[in-house]
Amino acid sequence: MKTPRVVIMSVAVLAAGLAGYLAMNLTSPTVQVTEMSSEPVIEKMPTIDVLVTTANLPVGARLGEDSLEWKGWPEDGVIDGLIRRDNRPDAISELTGVVVRLPLFAGEPLRNEKIVDSSSRIMSSLLPAGKRAIATEISVATSAGGFILPNDRVDVIMVRRKTGEEGFLTEVILSNIRILAIDQRIEENADGSRTAVGTTATLELTPDQTKIITVAQQMADRLTLALRSVADVQESDSDGAKYLLSGEDGSAAIQLIRSGTITKVGATN
C-alpha cells in the first residue's frame, strides 16, 4: 500500500476516534457529588426530679402514693422549697397521709407550705395564725342555692325582727369572710336524683368576729351567706358590726336599738 494512502487512513481513524470521544462527553449527564449536610445537634437540658401531684386536690384532702409522682424539671427552673428526689428520695412514702392546706392542681410541684403533718388536727392545721373557726347553720336558701364551697368568700347577712314593730331589719354583719369547710348531706329528690346539701358552714374569723357572729346567732331570725366574687379575695376582712359588742373588756352583749337609743339587754362578764 502506498505511503500517502496509509497516512490518510491513519489520520481518518484518529479523527473518527476523537469525534467519538467528544460526542460521548457532550451527551452524558453531568454527575455532581455533593456532601450531605449533617443534622443539627439538639442538646438536652439537664433536669432534676421533683415531686408533683397527679390530680387536683382540694383543701383538707390527704396525699397518697397514687396522687404523687417524680417528674423531670429543668434544672435552672428548680427553686427553693420544691421537694427534690436527689435530697429526699423517700418523699412519696414519707408524705403519704399528710393533709392538703392549700389547693393543689395536677402537675403542680409540691411545696411544704401547702401541706401539713398528718398527725395534726385537720381543721386547726388549716387555720392561719390568729384566726378562729366557728360554724353556723345553713340551708340551700341561706347559702346561695348550695353553690358555696370551701375557700369561697361570703358576706354574712343578719335578718331580725324590728323591736316592737312589724317587719324585719337586714344588715351585713361580716364581709369578705373565707369559708373553711361545708358539711354536706346527700338528699334524694322526687325524681330519684341526688344532690349534696350543706347544713353547716365553718367560717374563718378573727377573735372579735367570732364574738360578733355569736351574738348575731342569738339575735337573728336568719343568717344568710352571700357569695362574693373571686376578685374580692385580695380585699381585707371587715371588722364587722362592732356595735353588737360592748364593754371595755371586750365582752359580748346583745343591744336593742329603739328610737335611736341603744339599750343593753344581755351583757356577760
Protein backbone atom coordinates (compact mmCIF):
# COMPACT_ATOMS: atom_id res chain seq x y z
CA MET A 1 0.00 0.00 0.00
CA LYS A 2 1.28 3.36 -0.92
CA THR A 3 2.57 5.56 1.85
CA PRO A 4 0.23 8.56 1.20
CA ARG A 5 -2.82 6.30 1.38
CA VAL A 6 -1.64 4.85 4.72
CA VAL A 7 -1.14 8.32 6.17
CA ILE A 8 -4.59 9.44 5.05
CA MET A 9 -6.26 6.36 6.57
CA SER A 10 -4.39 6.82 9.86
CA VAL A 11 -5.47 10.46 10.07
CA ALA A 12 -9.07 9.42 9.32
CA VAL A 13 -9.05 6.78 12.10
CA LEU A 14 -7.65 9.24 14.63
CA ALA A 15 -10.23 11.88 13.60
CA ALA A 16 -13.07 9.35 13.97
CA GLY A 17 -11.84 8.31 17.43
CA LEU A 18 -11.53 11.92 18.58
CA ALA A 19 -15.04 12.71 17.30
CA GLY A 20 -16.50 9.72 19.14
CA TYR A 21 -14.79 10.72 22.40
CA LEU A 22 -16.08 14.27 22.14
CA ALA A 23 -19.58 13.03 21.34
CA MET A 24 -19.66 10.81 24.45
CA ASN A 25 -18.56 13.64 26.78
CA LEU A 26 -21.10 16.07 25.36
CA THR A 27 -24.11 13.77 25.62
CA SER A 28 -23.51 12.04 29.01
CA PRO A 29 -25.23 13.67 32.08
CA THR A 30 -23.09 15.64 34.43
CA VAL A 31 -22.96 14.00 37.83
CA GLN A 32 -22.30 16.30 40.74
CA VAL A 33 -21.28 14.80 44.03
CA THR A 34 -22.43 16.94 46.91
CA GLU A 35 -21.68 16.34 50.51
CA MET A 36 -24.83 15.88 52.62
CA SER A 37 -25.16 18.41 55.41
CA SER A 38 -25.27 16.92 58.91
CA GLU A 39 -28.41 17.35 61.02
CA PRO A 40 -28.29 19.95 63.85
CA VAL A 41 -27.33 18.51 67.20
CA ILE A 42 -30.02 19.05 69.88
CA GLU A 43 -28.61 19.27 73.35
CA LYS A 44 -30.92 18.01 76.12
CA MET A 45 -31.32 20.40 79.03
CA PRO A 46 -30.28 18.94 82.38
CA THR A 47 -33.25 18.12 84.62
CA ILE A 48 -33.86 17.31 88.27
CA ASP A 49 -36.68 15.06 89.51
CA VAL A 50 -39.15 16.99 91.66
CA LEU A 51 -42.30 15.77 93.39
CA VAL A 52 -45.56 16.76 91.64
CA THR A 53 -49.23 15.94 92.14
CA THR A 54 -51.07 13.74 89.66
CA ALA A 55 -54.58 15.03 90.42
CA ASN A 56 -56.44 18.13 91.60
CA LEU A 57 -56.57 18.06 95.41
CA PRO A 58 -58.86 20.32 97.47
CA VAL A 59 -58.15 21.73 100.91
CA GLY A 60 -58.36 19.00 103.56
CA ALA A 61 -57.58 16.12 101.18
CA ARG A 62 -54.88 13.63 102.11
CA LEU A 63 -51.93 12.78 99.88
CA GLY A 64 -51.36 9.19 98.77
CA GLU A 65 -48.93 7.25 96.63
CA ASP A 66 -51.39 7.43 93.73
CA SER A 67 -51.53 11.24 93.88
CA LEU A 68 -47.75 11.87 93.79
CA GLU A 69 -45.00 11.16 91.27
CA TRP A 70 -41.47 12.22 90.36
CA LYS A 71 -41.14 14.34 87.25
CA GLY A 72 -38.12 15.81 85.48
CA TRP A 73 -37.94 19.58 85.91
CA PRO A 74 -35.46 21.91 84.13
CA GLU A 75 -32.51 22.38 86.44
CA ASP A 76 -32.50 26.16 86.03
CA GLY A 77 -36.22 26.24 86.93
CA VAL A 78 -35.90 24.45 90.27
CA ILE A 79 -36.40 26.90 93.13
CA ASP A 80 -36.05 26.63 96.88
CA GLY A 81 -38.99 24.91 98.52
CA LEU A 82 -39.54 22.19 95.90
CA ILE A 83 -39.12 18.58 97.03
CA ARG A 84 -36.24 17.01 95.08
CA ARG A 85 -35.51 13.35 94.55
CA ASP A 86 -31.75 13.74 94.93
CA ASN A 87 -32.01 15.02 98.51
CA ARG A 88 -35.28 13.36 99.60
CA PRO A 89 -35.67 10.07 97.70
CA ASP A 90 -38.30 8.59 100.08
CA ALA A 91 -40.58 11.64 99.99
CA ILE A 92 -43.59 9.82 98.45
CA SER A 93 -43.81 7.28 101.28
CA GLU A 94 -42.99 9.93 103.89
CA LEU A 95 -45.77 12.26 102.72
CA THR A 96 -48.49 9.63 102.34
CA GLY A 97 -51.41 10.72 104.52
CA VAL A 98 -50.43 14.36 105.01
CA VAL A 99 -53.19 16.98 104.75
CA VAL A 100 -53.50 19.50 101.91
CA ARG A 101 -53.53 23.03 103.40
CA LEU A 102 -53.93 24.96 100.13
CA PRO A 103 -55.47 23.75 96.83
CA LEU A 104 -53.18 21.68 94.59
CA PHE A 105 -53.53 21.08 90.85
CA ALA A 106 -52.44 18.15 88.68
CA GLY A 107 -48.83 18.53 87.56
CA GLU A 108 -48.03 21.19 90.17
CA PRO A 109 -44.71 20.82 92.04
CA LEU A 110 -45.38 20.12 95.69
CA ARG A 111 -44.21 22.64 98.29
CA ASN A 112 -44.03 22.17 102.05
CA GLU A 113 -46.04 25.35 102.57
CA LYS A 114 -49.12 23.72 101.01
CA ILE A 115 -49.25 20.66 103.24
CA VAL A 116 -49.38 19.92 106.97
CA ASP A 117 -48.30 16.98 109.09
CA SER A 118 -50.75 14.07 109.09
CA SER A 119 -50.60 13.95 112.89
CA SER A 120 -52.13 17.46 113.09
CA ARG A 121 -55.83 18.01 113.58
CA ILE A 122 -57.15 18.83 110.13
CA MET A 123 -59.21 21.93 110.90
CA SER A 124 -56.70 23.50 113.27
CA SER A 125 -53.92 22.95 110.75
CA LEU A 126 -55.90 24.77 108.06
CA LEU A 127 -56.32 27.88 110.20
CA PRO A 128 -53.78 30.71 109.75
CA ALA A 129 -52.20 32.09 112.90
CA GLY A 130 -54.52 34.38 114.84
CA LYS A 131 -57.71 33.08 113.19
CA ARG A 132 -60.62 31.16 114.66
CA ALA A 133 -63.10 28.68 113.15
CA ILE A 134 -66.78 28.90 114.01
CA ALA A 135 -69.72 27.03 112.49
CA THR A 136 -73.13 28.37 111.55
CA GLU A 137 -76.18 26.52 110.30
CA ILE A 138 -77.08 26.98 106.64
CA SER A 139 -79.52 25.67 104.07
CA VAL A 140 -79.95 25.92 100.31
CA ALA A 141 -81.98 29.09 100.87
CA THR A 142 -79.29 30.71 103.02
CA SER A 143 -76.14 29.61 101.13
CA ALA A 144 -76.52 30.91 97.56
CA GLY A 145 -78.51 27.89 96.45
CA GLY A 146 -75.91 25.45 97.70
CA PHE A 147 -73.14 26.77 95.42
CA ILE A 148 -70.89 27.97 98.22
CA LEU A 149 -67.78 25.80 98.55
CA PRO A 150 -64.66 25.74 100.75
CA ASN A 151 -62.32 28.71 100.12
CA ASP A 152 -65.16 30.86 98.72
CA ARG A 153 -65.65 34.35 100.18
CA VAL A 154 -69.01 35.43 101.58
CA ASP A 155 -70.81 38.24 103.37
CA VAL A 156 -72.80 37.25 106.46
CA ILE A 157 -76.22 38.93 106.48
CA MET A 158 -78.39 39.03 109.59
CA VAL A 159 -82.18 39.25 109.34
CA ARG A 160 -84.07 40.06 112.55
CA ARG A 161 -87.45 41.38 113.57
CA LYS A 162 -87.92 45.01 114.44
CA THR A 163 -88.34 45.57 118.15
CA GLY A 164 -91.95 46.33 118.98
CA GLU A 165 -92.86 46.78 115.32
CA GLU A 166 -93.82 44.68 112.36
CA GLY A 167 -91.26 43.94 109.69
CA PHE A 168 -87.61 42.94 109.59
CA LEU A 169 -84.18 44.56 109.65
CA THR A 170 -81.46 43.30 107.32
CA GLU A 171 -77.77 44.16 107.80
CA VAL A 172 -74.36 42.86 106.77
CA ILE A 173 -72.55 41.96 109.98
CA LEU A 174 -69.38 40.46 108.41
CA SER A 175 -67.84 40.99 104.96
CA ASN A 176 -65.41 39.02 102.78
CA ILE A 177 -65.23 36.01 105.09
CA ARG A 178 -63.49 32.83 103.97
CA ILE A 179 -65.35 29.51 104.09
CA LEU A 180 -63.16 26.82 105.65
CA ALA A 181 -65.50 23.88 105.17
CA ILE A 182 -69.05 22.93 104.25
CA ASP A 183 -70.66 19.97 105.98
CA GLN A 184 -72.84 18.19 103.41
CA ARG A 185 -75.52 15.50 103.39
CA ILE A 186 -77.00 13.70 100.41
CA GLU A 187 -80.70 14.26 99.74
CA GLU A 188 -82.79 12.29 97.24
CA ASN A 189 -85.17 14.30 95.08
CA ALA A 190 -88.65 13.26 93.93
CA ASP A 191 -87.30 12.22 90.53
CA GLY A 192 -84.73 9.90 92.13
CA SER A 193 -81.74 12.18 91.58
CA ARG A 194 -79.45 13.04 94.48
CA THR A 195 -77.97 16.37 95.50
CA ALA A 196 -75.41 17.37 98.15
CA VAL A 197 -76.89 19.91 100.54
CA GLY A 198 -74.75 21.76 103.07
CA THR A 199 -76.10 22.01 106.62
CA THR A 200 -73.20 23.74 108.37
CA ALA A 201 -70.63 26.25 107.17
CA THR A 202 -67.37 26.73 109.06
CA LEU A 203 -66.09 30.32 108.81
CA GLU A 204 -62.55 31.67 109.26
CA LEU A 205 -62.81 34.64 111.63
CA THR A 206 -60.78 36.87 113.89
CA PRO A 207 -61.44 36.68 117.65
CA ASP A 208 -63.64 39.82 117.52
CA GLN A 209 -65.57 38.48 114.53
CA THR A 210 -66.33 35.26 116.41
CA LYS A 211 -67.94 37.34 119.17
CA ILE A 212 -69.99 39.27 116.62
CA ILE A 213 -71.42 36.18 114.95
CA THR A 214 -72.06 34.52 118.32
CA VAL A 215 -74.20 37.50 119.35
CA ALA A 216 -75.87 37.57 115.92
CA GLN A 217 -76.81 33.90 116.18
CA GLN A 218 -78.77 34.74 119.34
CA MET A 219 -80.45 37.82 117.86
CA ALA A 220 -81.13 36.77 114.27
CA ASP A 221 -84.18 35.13 112.82
CA ARG A 222 -81.92 34.05 109.99
CA LEU A 223 -78.25 34.29 108.99
CA THR A 224 -77.64 34.23 105.24
CA LEU A 225 -74.35 33.78 103.39
CA ALA A 226 -73.98 35.91 100.24
CA LEU A 227 -71.38 34.56 97.80
CA ARG A 228 -68.76 37.09 96.68
CA SER A 229 -66.67 37.25 93.50
CA VAL A 230 -63.29 35.55 93.44
CA ALA A 231 -61.86 39.00 92.57
CA ASP A 232 -62.58 40.08 96.17
CA VAL A 233 -60.06 37.64 97.66
CA GLN A 234 -57.39 40.34 97.97
CA GLU A 235 -59.67 42.64 99.94
CA SER A 236 -59.20 42.63 103.71
CA ASP A 237 -61.85 41.21 106.01
CA SER A 238 -64.19 43.75 107.58
CA ASP A 239 -64.17 44.29 111.33
CA GLY A 240 -67.88 43.58 111.27
CA ALA A 241 -70.80 45.06 113.17
CA LYS A 242 -68.87 46.05 116.27
CA TYR A 243 -71.90 47.77 117.73
CA LEU A 244 -73.03 44.27 118.72
CA LEU A 245 -70.15 44.25 121.19
CA SER A 246 -69.70 46.45 124.23
CA GLY A 247 -67.69 46.65 127.40
CA GLU A 248 -64.10 47.70 127.94
CA ASP A 249 -63.06 44.11 128.49
CA GLY A 250 -64.45 43.09 125.10
CA SER A 251 -67.30 41.02 126.48
CA ALA A 252 -70.26 40.47 124.16
CA ALA A 253 -73.68 41.98 124.71
CA ILE A 254 -76.94 41.99 122.84
CA GLN A 255 -78.13 45.51 122.16
CA LEU A 256 -81.54 46.80 121.16
CA ILE A 257 -81.80 49.94 119.05
CA ARG A 258 -85.10 51.65 119.75
CA SER A 259 -85.84 55.19 118.52
CA GLY A 260 -82.13 55.90 118.23
CA THR A 261 -81.40 54.73 121.80
CA ILE A 262 -79.11 51.73 122.37
CA THR A 263 -80.08 49.53 125.33
CA LYS A 264 -78.02 46.60 126.65
CA VAL A 265 -80.09 43.53 127.38
CA GLY A 266 -77.65 40.64 127.54
CA ALA A 267 -74.19 41.67 128.72
CA THR A 268 -71.89 38.97 130.01
CA ASN A 269 -68.89 39.24 132.24
